[in-house]
Amino acid sequence: MSNRLHTLSVLLVLGLFLLSLGSCRQKTGRDTAAAIADSLRQAHNDSTQAELNELRELAELDRREMENEYEEYAQQYRVLRVQVKDTLLRRQLEEKEQEANRLLAELRTVREGNAAEIRRLREELTTVRAVLQDYVRQVDSLQRRNETLVAERDEARRQAGAASERADELTGERNRLSQQVAVAARLNATGVSVRPVKKNGKEARKTKEIKGFDISFTIARNSTARTGNRTVFVRLMAQGGTVITPAGTFQYHDKTIQYSAKRTVEYAGEDIRVTLHVSADEFLNPGTYSAYIFTDGQQIGSGSVNIDK
């Protein structure tokens, strides 16, 4: 009888030990699963934060580029004003220089993330650039006329010394004007349209119907720009900062960034309408989708579309 009680006691203690061991293993498994889930969430958060940081950095680069352009254009108006003698033209150039400086001051006070103000100031920048191009052509015409008159005067007076000195001066003026033309020769994309499309190419109304995007724009006429082939890149981004369907990379401000589509066009100095297609096979969330257009290492335009559902 005593032996049986002893055996039962041993079995009872062993059973309690096994139950305790099973409970510990179950708890350890739950802890491990929770740790893995936390790691995955942290990895996702880190990836999202990295994309947002890249987007903020690109936005800051674009803002600095706009500031540099405003400063350059104000400087070019000042240089042109010094070169001309016509009183009315000098006054007009001074007003445009003040306007460029005023817009630059507004840009520097715009808060980060104020997309509407940034877009307005980019449109104003396009106007400043176009007006500068027109004044460059006017001054160039005046310079050419002046060169002709100087050449005729030198021929009549046959003063080789004076002619040589003036020729050197005109050469310097032409070099400065060439630099001004280079600034004014930057391309500009206008009328940017971002259109979500179905598989059959018709416009999509819902995110579940979207199989791609058609990005259309016009590279504006610029008689001072270099003609020939241009490679145009489109970077299509979702609201969270993700690049839609990355197709490769290109250089922008000493950075290597992704693009969604590219195309080589032949630019002849006149308006040219361009359309690029970006496939979108993955599921898309509602929100704003923005397209950024680049060529010659510069951003030349942007546009967006909002998809509600």
C-alpha atoms as a PDB file:
ATOM      1  CA  MET A   1       0.000   0.000   0.000  1.00  0.00           C
ATOM      2  CA  SER A   2       2.829   2.384   0.940  1.00  0.00           C
ATOM      3  CA  ASN A   3       4.644   1.628  -2.350  1.00  0.00           C
ATOM      4  CA  ARG A   4       1.502   2.374  -4.374  1.00  0.00           C
ATOM      5  CA  LEU A   5       1.066   5.754  -2.650  1.00  0.00           C
ATOM      6  CA  HIS A   6       4.709   6.561  -3.297  1.00  0.00           C
ATOM      7  CA  THR A   7       4.330   5.698  -6.997  1.00  0.00           C
ATOM      8  CA  LEU A   8       1.171   7.820  -7.348  1.00  0.00           C
ATOM      9  CA  SER A   9       2.948  10.785  -5.715  1.00  0.00           C
ATOM     10  CA  VAL A  10       5.848  10.508  -8.133  1.00  0.00           C
ATOM     11  CA  LEU A  11       3.477  10.356 -11.125  1.00  0.00           C
ATOM     12  CA  LEU A  12       1.557  13.392  -9.855  1.00  0.00           C
ATOM     13  CA  VAL A  13       4.732  15.480  -9.487  1.00  0.00           C
ATOM     14  CA  LEU A  14       5.923  14.414 -12.968  1.00  0.00           C
ATOM     15  CA  GLY A  15       2.579  15.371 -14.502  1.00  0.00           C
ATOM     16  CA  LEU A  16       2.661  18.814 -12.915  1.00  0.00           C
ATOM     17  CA  PHE A  17       6.227  19.314 -14.206  1.00  0.00           C
ATOM     18  CA  LEU A  18       5.232  18.381 -17.783  1.00  0.00           C
ATOM     19  CA  LEU A  19       2.241  20.723 -17.684  1.00  0.00           C
ATOM     20  CA  SER A  20       4.475  23.544 -16.471  1.00  0.00           C
ATOM     21  CA  LEU A  21       7.035  22.792 -19.198  1.00  0.00           C
ATOM     22  CA  GLY A  22       4.338  22.853 -21.933  1.00  0.00           C
ATOM     23  CA  SER A  23       3.016  26.166 -20.658  1.00  0.00           C
ATOM     24  CA  CYS A  24       6.507  27.707 -20.794  1.00  0.00           C
ATOM     25  CA  ARG A  25       7.063  26.483 -24.348  1.00  0.00           C
ATOM     26  CA  GLN A  26       3.708  27.913 -25.435  1.00  0.00           C
ATOM     27  CA  LYS A  27       4.559  31.275 -23.847  1.00  0.00           C
ATOM     28  CA  THR A  28       8.015  31.291 -25.487  1.00  0.00           C
ATOM     29  CA  GLY A  29       6.402  30.630 -28.884  1.00  0.00           C
ATOM     30  CA  ARG A  30       4.009  33.519 -28.406  1.00  0.00           C
ATOM     31  CA  ASP A  31       6.862  35.787 -27.336  1.00  0.00           C
ATOM     32  CA  THR A  32       8.894  34.785 -30.404  1.00  0.00           C
ATOM     33  CA  ALA A  33       5.956  35.434 -32.749  1.00  0.00           C
ATOM     34  CA  ALA A  34       5.360  38.820 -31.123  1.00  0.00           C
ATOM     35  CA  ALA A  35       9.045  39.713 -31.493  1.00  0.00           C
ATOM     36  CA  ILE A  36       8.993  38.775 -35.208  1.00  0.00           C
ATOM     37  CA  ALA A  37       5.832  40.838 -35.755  1.00  0.00           C
ATOM     38  CA  ASP A  38       7.432  43.826 -33.998  1.00  0.00           C
ATOM     39  CA  SER A  39      10.554  43.474 -36.187  1.00  0.00           C
ATOM     40  CA  LEU A  40       8.466  43.401 -39.380  1.00  0.00           C
ATOM     41  CA  ARG A  41       6.517  46.477 -38.286  1.00  0.00           C
ATOM     42  CA  GLN A  42       9.751  48.289 -37.453  1.00  0.00           C
ATOM     43  CA  ALA A  43      11.279  47.335 -40.824  1.00  0.00           C
ATOM     44  CA  HIS A  44       8.173  48.630 -42.637  1.00  0.00           C
ATOM     45  CA  ASN A  45       8.233  51.865 -40.630  1.00  0.00           C
ATOM     46  CA  ASP A  46      11.960  52.320 -41.375  1.00  0.00           C
ATOM     47  CA  SER A  47      11.350  51.777 -45.122  1.00  0.00           C
ATOM     48  CA  THR A  48       8.430  54.240 -45.178  1.00  0.00           C
ATOM     49  CA  GLN A  49      10.462  56.822 -43.256  1.00  0.00           C
ATOM     50  CA  ALA A  50      13.373  56.419 -45.692  1.00  0.00           C
ATOM     51  CA  GLU A  51      11.047  57.027 -48.659  1.00  0.00           C
ATOM     52  CA  LEU A  52       9.544  60.082 -46.951  1.00  0.00           C
ATOM     53  CA  ASN A  53      13.041  61.414 -46.188  1.00  0.00           C
ATOM     54  CA  GLU A  54      14.022  60.959 -49.859  1.00  0.00           C
ATOM     55  CA  LEU A  55      10.850  62.789 -50.957  1.00  0.00           C
ATOM     56  CA  ARG A  56      11.564  65.672 -48.558  1.00  0.00           C
ATOM     57  CA  GLU A  57      15.168  65.832 -49.786  1.00  0.00           C
ATOM     58  CA  LEU A  58      14.042  65.984 -53.426  1.00  0.00           C
ATOM     59  CA  ALA A  59      11.496  68.679 -52.569  1.00  0.00           C
ATOM     60  CA  GLU A  60      14.239  70.694 -50.851  1.00  0.00           C
ATOM     61  CA  LEU A  61      16.544  70.232 -53.863  1.00  0.00           C
ATOM     62  CA  ASP A  62      13.760  71.459 -56.145  1.00  0.00           C
ATOM     63  CA  ARG A  63      13.165  74.444 -53.862  1.00  0.00           C
ATOM     64  CA  ARG A  64      16.893  75.319 -53.835  1.00  0.00           C
ATOM     65  CA  GLU A  65      17.003  75.006 -57.625  1.00  0.00           C
ATOM     66  CA  MET A  66      14.088  77.453 -57.893  1.00  0.00           C
ATOM     67  CA  GLU A  67      15.893  79.872 -55.552  1.00  0.00           C
ATOM     68  CA  ASN A  68      19.063  79.592 -57.661  1.00  0.00           C
ATOM     69  CA  GLU A  69      17.103  80.264 -60.848  1.00  0.00           C
ATOM     70  CA  TYR A  70      15.415  83.350 -59.358  1.00  0.00           C
ATOM     71  CA  GLU A  71      18.840  84.636 -58.236  1.00  0.00           C
ATOM     72  CA  GLU A  72      20.350  83.954 -61.679  1.00  0.00           C
ATOM     73  CA  TYR A  73      17.494  85.697 -63.489  1.00  0.00           C
ATOM     74  CA  ALA A  74      17.678  88.739 -61.204  1.00  0.00           C
ATOM     75  CA  GLN A  75      21.431  88.879 -61.893  1.00  0.00           C
ATOM     76  CA  GLN A  76      20.908  88.597 -65.652  1.00  0.00           C
ATOM     77  CA  TYR A  77      18.374  91.456 -65.599  1.00  0.00           C
ATOM     78  CA  ARG A  78      20.953  93.547 -63.720  1.00  0.00           C
ATOM     79  CA  VAL A  79      23.720  92.720 -66.246  1.00  0.00           C
ATOM     80  CA  LEU A  80      21.444  93.503 -69.192  1.00  0.00           C
ATOM     81  CA  ARG A  81      20.427  96.816 -67.593  1.00  0.00           C
ATOM     82  CA  VAL A  82      24.074  97.865 -67.319  1.00  0.00           C
ATOM     83  CA  GLN A  83      24.742  97.032 -70.965  1.00  0.00           C
ATOM     84  CA  VAL A  84      21.916  99.076 -72.543  1.00  0.00           C
ATOM     85  CA  LYS A  85      21.666 102.869 -72.853  1.00  0.00           C
ATOM     86  CA  ASP A  86      17.994 103.196 -73.759  1.00  0.00           C
ATOM     87  CA  THR A  87      16.305 104.824 -70.731  1.00  0.00           C
ATOM     88  CA  LEU A  88      12.931 103.104 -71.155  1.00  0.00           C
ATOM     89  CA  LEU A  89      14.501  99.677 -71.610  1.00  0.00           C
ATOM     90  CA  ARG A  90      16.753 100.206 -68.578  1.00  0.00           C
ATOM     91  CA  ARG A  91      13.695 101.072 -66.464  1.00  0.00           C
ATOM     92  CA  GLN A  92      11.837  97.982 -67.669  1.00  0.00           C
ATOM     93  CA  LEU A  93      14.825  95.747 -66.854  1.00  0.00           C
ATOM     94  CA  GLU A  94      15.097  97.285 -63.389  1.00  0.00           C
ATOM     95  CA  GLU A  95      11.397  96.540 -62.718  1.00  0.00           C
ATOM     96  CA  LYS A  96      11.840  92.923 -63.822  1.00  0.00           C
ATOM     97  CA  GLU A  97      14.920  92.572 -61.614  1.00  0.00           C
ATOM     98  CA  GLN A  98      12.906  93.836 -58.618  1.00  0.00           C
ATOM     99  CA  GLU A  99      10.066  91.466 -59.448  1.00  0.00           C
ATOM    100  CA  ALA A 100      12.452  88.472 -59.568  1.00  0.00           C
ATOM    101  CA  ASN A 101      13.912  89.462 -56.192  1.00  0.00           C
ATOM    102  CA  ARG A 102      10.415  89.865 -54.728  1.00  0.00           C
ATOM    103  CA  LEU A 103       9.367  86.389 -55.873  1.00  0.00           C
ATOM    104  CA  LEU A 104      12.632  84.986 -54.505  1.00  0.00           C
ATOM    105  CA  ALA A 105      11.848  86.541 -51.120  1.00  0.00           C
ATOM    106  CA  GLU A 106       8.344  84.991 -51.216  1.00  0.00           C
ATOM    107  CA  LEU A 107       9.799  81.578 -52.042  1.00  0.00           C
ATOM    108  CA  ARG A 108      12.180  81.731 -49.089  1.00  0.00           C
ATOM    109  CA  THR A 109       9.274  82.415 -46.700  1.00  0.00           C
ATOM    110  CA  VAL A 110       6.963  79.660 -47.997  1.00  0.00           C
ATOM    111  CA  ARG A 111       6.489  76.932 -45.439  1.00  0.00           C
ATOM    112  CA  GLU A 112       7.576  73.393 -46.225  1.00  0.00           C
ATOM    113  CA  GLY A 113       4.713  71.358 -47.634  1.00  0.00           C
ATOM    114  CA  ASN A 114       2.759  74.358 -49.009  1.00  0.00           C
ATOM    115  CA  ALA A 115       2.351  72.761 -52.438  1.00  0.00           C
ATOM    116  CA  ALA A 116      -0.049  75.409 -53.755  1.00  0.00           C
ATOM    117  CA  GLU A 117       2.383  78.282 -53.106  1.00  0.00           C
ATOM    118  CA  ILE A 118       5.340  76.311 -54.488  1.00  0.00           C
ATOM    119  CA  ARG A 119       3.329  75.534 -57.644  1.00  0.00           C
ATOM    120  CA  ARG A 120       2.352  79.223 -58.007  1.00  0.00           C
ATOM    121  CA  LEU A 121       5.951  80.371 -57.636  1.00  0.00           C
ATOM    122  CA  ARG A 122       7.101  77.748 -60.167  1.00  0.00           C
ATOM    123  CA  GLU A 123       4.550  79.140 -62.647  1.00  0.00           C
ATOM    124  CA  GLU A 124       5.788  82.659 -61.871  1.00  0.00           C
ATOM    125  CA  LEU A 125       9.327  81.398 -62.509  1.00  0.00           C
ATOM    126  CA  THR A 126       8.246  80.198 -65.955  1.00  0.00           C
ATOM    127  CA  THR A 127       6.957  83.704 -66.721  1.00  0.00           C
ATOM    128  CA  VAL A 128      10.170  85.329 -65.454  1.00  0.00           C
ATOM    129  CA  ARG A 129      12.209  82.971 -67.665  1.00  0.00           C
ATOM    130  CA  ALA A 130      10.082  83.685 -70.755  1.00  0.00           C
ATOM    131  CA  VAL A 131      10.284  87.463 -70.257  1.00  0.00           C
ATOM    132  CA  LEU A 132      14.056  87.219 -69.760  1.00  0.00           C
ATOM    133  CA  GLN A 133      14.389  85.323 -73.038  1.00  0.00           C
ATOM    134  CA  ASP A 134      12.522  88.123 -74.804  1.00  0.00           C
ATOM    135  CA  TYR A 135      14.760  90.813 -73.296  1.00  0.00           C
ATOM    136  CA  VAL A 136      17.869  88.801 -74.168  1.00  0.00           C
ATOM    137  CA  ARG A 137      16.711  88.762 -77.801  1.00  0.00           C
ATOM    138  CA  GLN A 138      16.062  92.525 -77.695  1.00  0.00           C
ATOM    139  CA  VAL A 139      19.470  93.296 -76.242  1.00  0.00           C
ATOM    140  CA  ASP A 140      21.095  90.869 -78.667  1.00  0.00           C
ATOM    141  CA  SER A 141      19.435  92.723 -81.547  1.00  0.00           C
ATOM    142  CA  LEU A 142      20.637  96.065 -80.176  1.00  0.00           C
ATOM    143  CA  GLN A 143      24.137  94.691 -79.745  1.00  0.00           C
ATOM    144  CA  ARG A 144      24.229  93.428 -83.307  1.00  0.00           C
ATOM    145  CA  ARG A 145      23.061  96.789 -84.626  1.00  0.00           C
ATOM    146  CA  ASN A 146      25.659  98.464 -82.472  1.00  0.00           C
ATOM    147  CA  GLU A 147      28.368  96.188 -83.810  1.00  0.00           C
ATOM    148  CA  THR A 148      27.405  97.089 -87.374  1.00  0.00           C
ATOM    149  CA  LEU A 149      27.546 100.808 -86.631  1.00  0.00           C
ATOM    150  CA  VAL A 150      30.911 100.442 -84.909  1.00  0.00           C
ATOM    151  CA  ALA A 151      32.294  98.458 -87.834  1.00  0.00           C
ATOM    152  CA  GLU A 152      31.133 101.141 -90.288  1.00  0.00           C
ATOM    153  CA  ARG A 153      32.638 103.892 -88.131  1.00  0.00           C
ATOM    154  CA  ASP A 154      35.944 102.033 -87.873  1.00  0.00           C
ATOM    155  CA  GLU A 155      36.021 101.465 -91.625  1.00  0.00           C
ATOM    156  CA  ALA A 156      35.392 105.183 -92.273  1.00  0.00           C
ATOM    157  CA  ARG A 157      37.974 106.447 -89.800  1.00  0.00           C
ATOM    158  CA  ARG A 158      40.455 103.649 -90.493  1.00  0.00           C
ATOM    159  CA  GLN A 159      41.678 103.819 -86.961  1.00  0.00           C
ATOM    160  CA  ALA A 160      43.085 100.380 -86.451  1.00  0.00           C
ATOM    161  CA  GLY A 161      43.858 100.928 -82.781  1.00  0.00           C
ATOM    162  CA  ALA A 162      40.364 102.102 -81.891  1.00  0.00           C
ATOM    163  CA  ALA A 163      38.809  99.349 -83.997  1.00  0.00           C
ATOM    164  CA  SER A 164      40.904  96.678 -82.259  1.00  0.00           C
ATOM    165  CA  GLU A 165      39.975  97.982 -78.800  1.00  0.00           C
ATOM    166  CA  ARG A 166      36.268  98.072 -79.637  1.00  0.00           C
ATOM    167  CA  ALA A 167      36.452  94.601 -81.184  1.00  0.00           C
ATOM    168  CA  ASP A 168      37.886  93.229 -77.937  1.00  0.00           C
ATOM    169  CA  GLU A 169      35.124  94.951 -76.008  1.00  0.00           C
ATOM    170  CA  LEU A 170      32.452  93.537 -78.276  1.00  0.00           C
ATOM    171  CA  THR A 171      33.949  90.065 -77.957  1.00  0.00           C
ATOM    172  CA  GLY A 172      33.602  90.309 -74.178  1.00  0.00           C
ATOM    173  CA  GLU A 173      30.016  91.490 -74.499  1.00  0.00           C
ATOM    174  CA  ARG A 174      29.201  88.620 -76.843  1.00  0.00           C
ATOM    175  CA  ASN A 175      30.696  86.144 -74.357  1.00  0.00           C
ATOM    176  CA  ARG A 176      28.607  87.572 -71.524  1.00  0.00           C
ATOM    177  CA  LEU A 177      25.528  87.480 -73.720  1.00  0.00           C
ATOM    178  CA  SER A 178      26.226  83.837 -74.588  1.00  0.00           C
ATOM    179  CA  GLN A 179      26.207  83.019 -70.887  1.00  0.00           C
ATOM    180  CA  GLN A 180      22.893  84.838 -70.489  1.00  0.00           C
ATOM    181  CA  VAL A 181      21.415  82.891 -73.413  1.00  0.00           C
ATOM    182  CA  ALA A 182      22.530  79.618 -71.772  1.00  0.00           C
ATOM    183  CA  VAL A 183      20.532  80.501 -68.646  1.00  0.00           C
ATOM    184  CA  ALA A 184      17.506  81.444 -70.732  1.00  0.00           C
ATOM    185  CA  ALA A 185      17.790  78.269 -72.858  1.00  0.00           C
ATOM    186  CA  ARG A 186      16.421  75.896 -70.227  1.00  0.00           C
ATOM    187  CA  LEU A 187      13.457  73.838 -71.349  1.00  0.00           C
ATOM    188  CA  ASN A 188      10.038  74.024 -69.693  1.00  0.00           C
ATOM    189  CA  ALA A 189       7.195  71.461 -69.624  1.00  0.00           C
ATOM    190  CA  THR A 190       3.694  72.973 -69.612  1.00  0.00           C
ATOM    191  CA  GLY A 191       0.164  71.579 -69.553  1.00  0.00           C
ATOM    192  CA  VAL A 192       1.179  68.488 -67.580  1.00  0.00           C
ATOM    193  CA  SER A 193      -1.645  65.908 -67.452  1.00  0.00           C
ATOM    194  CA  VAL A 194      -1.652  62.720 -65.339  1.00  0.00           C
ATOM    195  CA  ARG A 195      -4.410  60.379 -66.579  1.00  0.00           C
ATOM    196  CA  PRO A 196      -5.167  56.982 -64.952  1.00  0.00           C
ATOM    197  CA  VAL A 197      -6.210  54.436 -67.587  1.00  0.00           C
ATOM    198  CA  LYS A 198      -7.780  50.989 -67.759  1.00  0.00           C
ATOM    199  CA  LYS A 199      -6.344  47.988 -69.599  1.00  0.00           C
ATOM    200  CA  ASN A 200      -8.161  49.083 -72.789  1.00  0.00           C
ATOM    201  CA  GLY A 201      -6.664  52.590 -72.598  1.00  0.00           C
ATOM    202  CA  LYS A 202      -9.839  54.335 -71.486  1.00  0.00           C
ATOM    203  CA  GLU A 203      -9.798  56.608 -68.461  1.00  0.00           C
ATOM    204  CA  ALA A 204     -10.180  54.795 -65.122  1.00  0.00           C
ATOM    205  CA  ARG A 205     -12.419  56.135 -62.371  1.00  0.00           C
ATOM    206  CA  LYS A 206     -11.579  53.729 -59.551  1.00  0.00           C
ATOM    207  CA  THR A 207      -8.271  52.474 -58.216  1.00  0.00           C
ATOM    208  CA  LYS A 208      -9.176  48.837 -58.884  1.00  0.00           C
ATOM    209  CA  GLU A 209      -9.609  49.666 -62.595  1.00  0.00           C
ATOM    210  CA  ILE A 210      -6.220  51.373 -62.994  1.00  0.00           C
ATOM    211  CA  LYS A 211      -3.676  49.469 -65.087  1.00  0.00           C
ATOM    212  CA  GLY A 212      -1.416  52.427 -65.801  1.00  0.00           C
ATOM    213  CA  PHE A 213      -1.041  56.183 -66.214  1.00  0.00           C
ATOM    214  CA  ASP A 214      -0.634  58.356 -69.314  1.00  0.00           C
ATOM    215  CA  ILE A 215       1.510  61.413 -68.569  1.00  0.00           C
ATOM    216  CA  SER A 216       1.212  64.090 -71.264  1.00  0.00           C
ATOM    217  CA  PHE A 217       2.857  67.499 -71.485  1.00  0.00           C
ATOM    218  CA  THR A 218       4.210  70.083 -73.926  1.00  0.00           C
ATOM    219  CA  ILE A 219       7.888  71.006 -74.078  1.00  0.00           C
ATOM    220  CA  ALA A 220       7.461  74.703 -74.752  1.00  0.00           C
ATOM    221  CA  ARG A 221       8.947  76.644 -77.652  1.00  0.00           C
ATOM    222  CA  ASN A 222      12.343  78.161 -76.865  1.00  0.00           C
ATOM    223  CA  SER A 223      14.298  79.672 -79.727  1.00  0.00           C
ATOM    224  CA  THR A 224      17.410  79.999 -77.560  1.00  0.00           C
ATOM    225  CA  ALA A 225      17.506  76.306 -76.554  1.00  0.00           C
ATOM    226  CA  ARG A 226      19.776  73.726 -78.158  1.00  0.00           C
ATOM    227  CA  THR A 227      17.993  71.576 -80.748  1.00  0.00           C
ATOM    228  CA  GLY A 228      18.396  67.826 -81.133  1.00  0.00           C
ATOM    229  CA  ASN A 229      17.524  64.661 -79.245  1.00  0.00           C
ATOM    230  CA  ARG A 230      16.543  64.878 -75.559  1.00  0.00           C
ATOM    231  CA  THR A 231      15.951  62.003 -73.144  1.00  0.00           C
ATOM    232  CA  VAL A 232      12.903  62.805 -71.028  1.00  0.00           C
ATOM    233  CA  PHE A 233      12.346  60.992 -67.701  1.00  0.00           C
ATOM    234  CA  VAL A 234       9.064  60.740 -65.782  1.00  0.00           C
ATOM    235  CA  ARG A 235       9.068  59.924 -62.070  1.00  0.00           C
ATOM    236  CA  LEU A 236       5.531  58.941 -60.966  1.00  0.00           C
ATOM    237  CA  MET A 237       5.051  58.858 -57.200  1.00  0.00           C
ATOM    238  CA  ALA A 238       2.247  57.806 -54.898  1.00  0.00           C
ATOM    239  CA  GLN A 239       1.148  60.006 -52.024  1.00  0.00           C
ATOM    240  CA  GLY A 240       3.363  58.138 -49.558  1.00  0.00           C
ATOM    241  CA  GLY A 241       6.506  58.776 -51.585  1.00  0.00           C
ATOM    242  CA  THR A 242       6.731  55.421 -53.386  1.00  0.00           C
ATOM    243  CA  VAL A 243       7.899  55.432 -57.026  1.00  0.00           C
ATOM    244  CA  ILE A 244       5.330  53.683 -59.236  1.00  0.00           C
ATOM    245  CA  THR A 245       6.838  50.900 -61.396  1.00  0.00           C
ATOM    246  CA  PRO A 246      10.553  51.840 -61.219  1.00  0.00           C
ATOM    247  CA  ALA A 247      12.166  51.248 -64.630  1.00  0.00           C
ATOM    248  CA  GLY A 248      15.712  52.442 -63.962  1.00  0.00           C
ATOM    249  CA  THR A 249      17.758  55.315 -62.541  1.00  0.00           C
ATOM    250  CA  PHE A 250      19.244  58.634 -63.688  1.00  0.00           C
ATOM    251  CA  GLN A 251      21.373  61.428 -62.222  1.00  0.00           C
ATOM    252  CA  TYR A 252      19.769  64.490 -60.667  1.00  0.00           C
ATOM    253  CA  HIS A 253      21.822  66.960 -58.597  1.00  0.00           C
ATOM    254  CA  ASP A 254      24.590  64.398 -57.982  1.00  0.00           C
ATOM    255  CA  LYS A 255      21.980  61.884 -56.790  1.00  0.00           C
ATOM    256  CA  THR A 256      20.908  58.651 -58.439  1.00  0.00           C
ATOM    257  CA  ILE A 257      17.100  58.492 -58.407  1.00  0.00           C
ATOM    258  CA  GLN A 258      14.515  56.169 -59.935  1.00  0.00           C
ATOM    259  CA  TYR A 259      12.276  56.918 -62.884  1.00  0.00           C
ATOM    260  CA  SER A 260       9.037  55.259 -64.021  1.00  0.00           C
ATOM    261  CA  ALA A 261       9.365  55.849 -67.775  1.00  0.00           C
ATOM    262  CA  LYS A 262      11.656  57.572 -70.263  1.00  0.00           C
ATOM    263  CA  ARG A 263      11.560  58.590 -73.903  1.00  0.00           C
ATOM    264  CA  THR A 264      13.909  60.205 -76.392  1.00  0.00           C
ATOM    265  CA  VAL A 265      12.362  63.086 -78.361  1.00  0.00           C
ATOM    266  CA  GLU A 266      13.751  65.304 -81.092  1.00  0.00           C
ATOM    267  CA  TYR A 267      13.457  68.925 -79.999  1.00  0.00           C
ATOM    268  CA  ALA A 268      13.515  71.508 -82.800  1.00  0.00           C
ATOM    269  CA  GLY A 269      12.941  74.642 -80.730  1.00  0.00           C
ATOM    270  CA  GLU A 270       9.155  74.591 -81.198  1.00  0.00           C
ATOM    271  CA  ASP A 271       6.300  73.287 -79.015  1.00  0.00           C
ATOM    272  CA  ILE A 272       6.295  69.489 -78.920  1.00  0.00           C
ATOM    273  CA  ARG A 273       3.614  67.352 -77.238  1.00  0.00           C
ATOM    274  CA  VAL A 274       4.940  64.279 -75.444  1.00  0.00           C
ATOM    275  CA  THR A 275       3.096  61.346 -73.826  1.00  0.00           C
ATOM    276  CA  LEU A 276       4.677  58.594 -71.714  1.00  0.00           C
ATOM    277  CA  HIS A 277       2.891  55.549 -70.310  1.00  0.00           C
ATOM    278  CA  VAL A 278       3.588  54.073 -66.875  1.00  0.00           C
ATOM    279  CA  SER A 279       2.227  50.593 -66.176  1.00  0.00           C
ATOM    280  CA  ALA A 280       0.722  49.930 -62.747  1.00  0.00           C
ATOM    281  CA  ASP A 281       0.099  46.241 -62.115  1.00  0.00           C
ATOM    282  CA  GLU A 282       0.138  46.484 -58.307  1.00  0.00           C
ATOM    283  CA  PHE A 283      -2.866  47.513 -56.199  1.00  0.00           C
ATOM    284  CA  LEU A 284      -3.138  51.303 -55.847  1.00  0.00           C
ATOM    285  CA  ASN A 285      -4.541  53.120 -52.839  1.00  0.00           C
ATOM    286  CA  PRO A 286      -6.702  56.247 -53.150  1.00  0.00           C
ATOM    287  CA  GLY A 287      -4.753  59.496 -52.924  1.00  0.00           C
ATOM    288  CA  THR A 288      -2.694  61.934 -54.968  1.00  0.00           C
ATOM    289  CA  TYR A 289      -0.336  60.640 -57.670  1.00  0.00           C
ATOM    290  CA  SER A 290       2.307  63.117 -58.857  1.00  0.00           C
ATOM    291  CA  ALA A 291       4.442  63.043 -62.005  1.00  0.00           C
ATOM    292  CA  TYR A 292       7.802  64.864 -62.124  1.00  0.00           C
ATOM    293  CA  ILE A 293       9.432  65.485 -65.516  1.00  0.00           C
ATOM    294  CA  PHE A 294      13.207  65.754 -66.014  1.00  0.00           C
ATOM    295  CA  THR A 295      15.619  66.369 -68.879  1.00  0.00           C
ATOM    296  CA  ASP A 296      19.153  67.733 -69.184  1.00  0.00           C
ATOM    297  CA  GLY A 297      19.654  67.015 -65.471  1.00  0.00           C
ATOM    298  CA  GLN A 298      16.887  69.445 -64.470  1.00  0.00           C
ATOM    299  CA  GLN A 299      13.250  69.164 -63.419  1.00  0.00           C
ATOM    300  CA  ILE A 300      11.245  70.964 -66.092  1.00  0.00           C
ATOM    301  CA  GLY A 301       7.669  70.415 -64.897  1.00  0.00           C
ATOM    302  CA  SER A 302       5.235  68.471 -62.744  1.00  0.00           C
ATOM    303  CA  GLY A 303       1.567  67.530 -62.460  1.00  0.00           C
ATOM    304  CA  SER A 304      -0.722  65.399 -60.327  1.00  0.00           C
ATOM    305  CA  VAL A 305      -4.084  63.653 -60.175  1.00  0.00           C
ATOM    306  CA  ASN A 306      -6.227  62.817 -57.145  1.00  0.00           C
ATOM    307  CA  ILE A 307      -7.996  59.445 -57.037  1.00  0.00           C
ATOM    308  CA  ASP A 308     -10.757  59.268 -54.452  1.00  0.00           C
ATOM    309  CA  LYS A 309     -11.594  55.541 -54.464  1.00  0.00           C
END
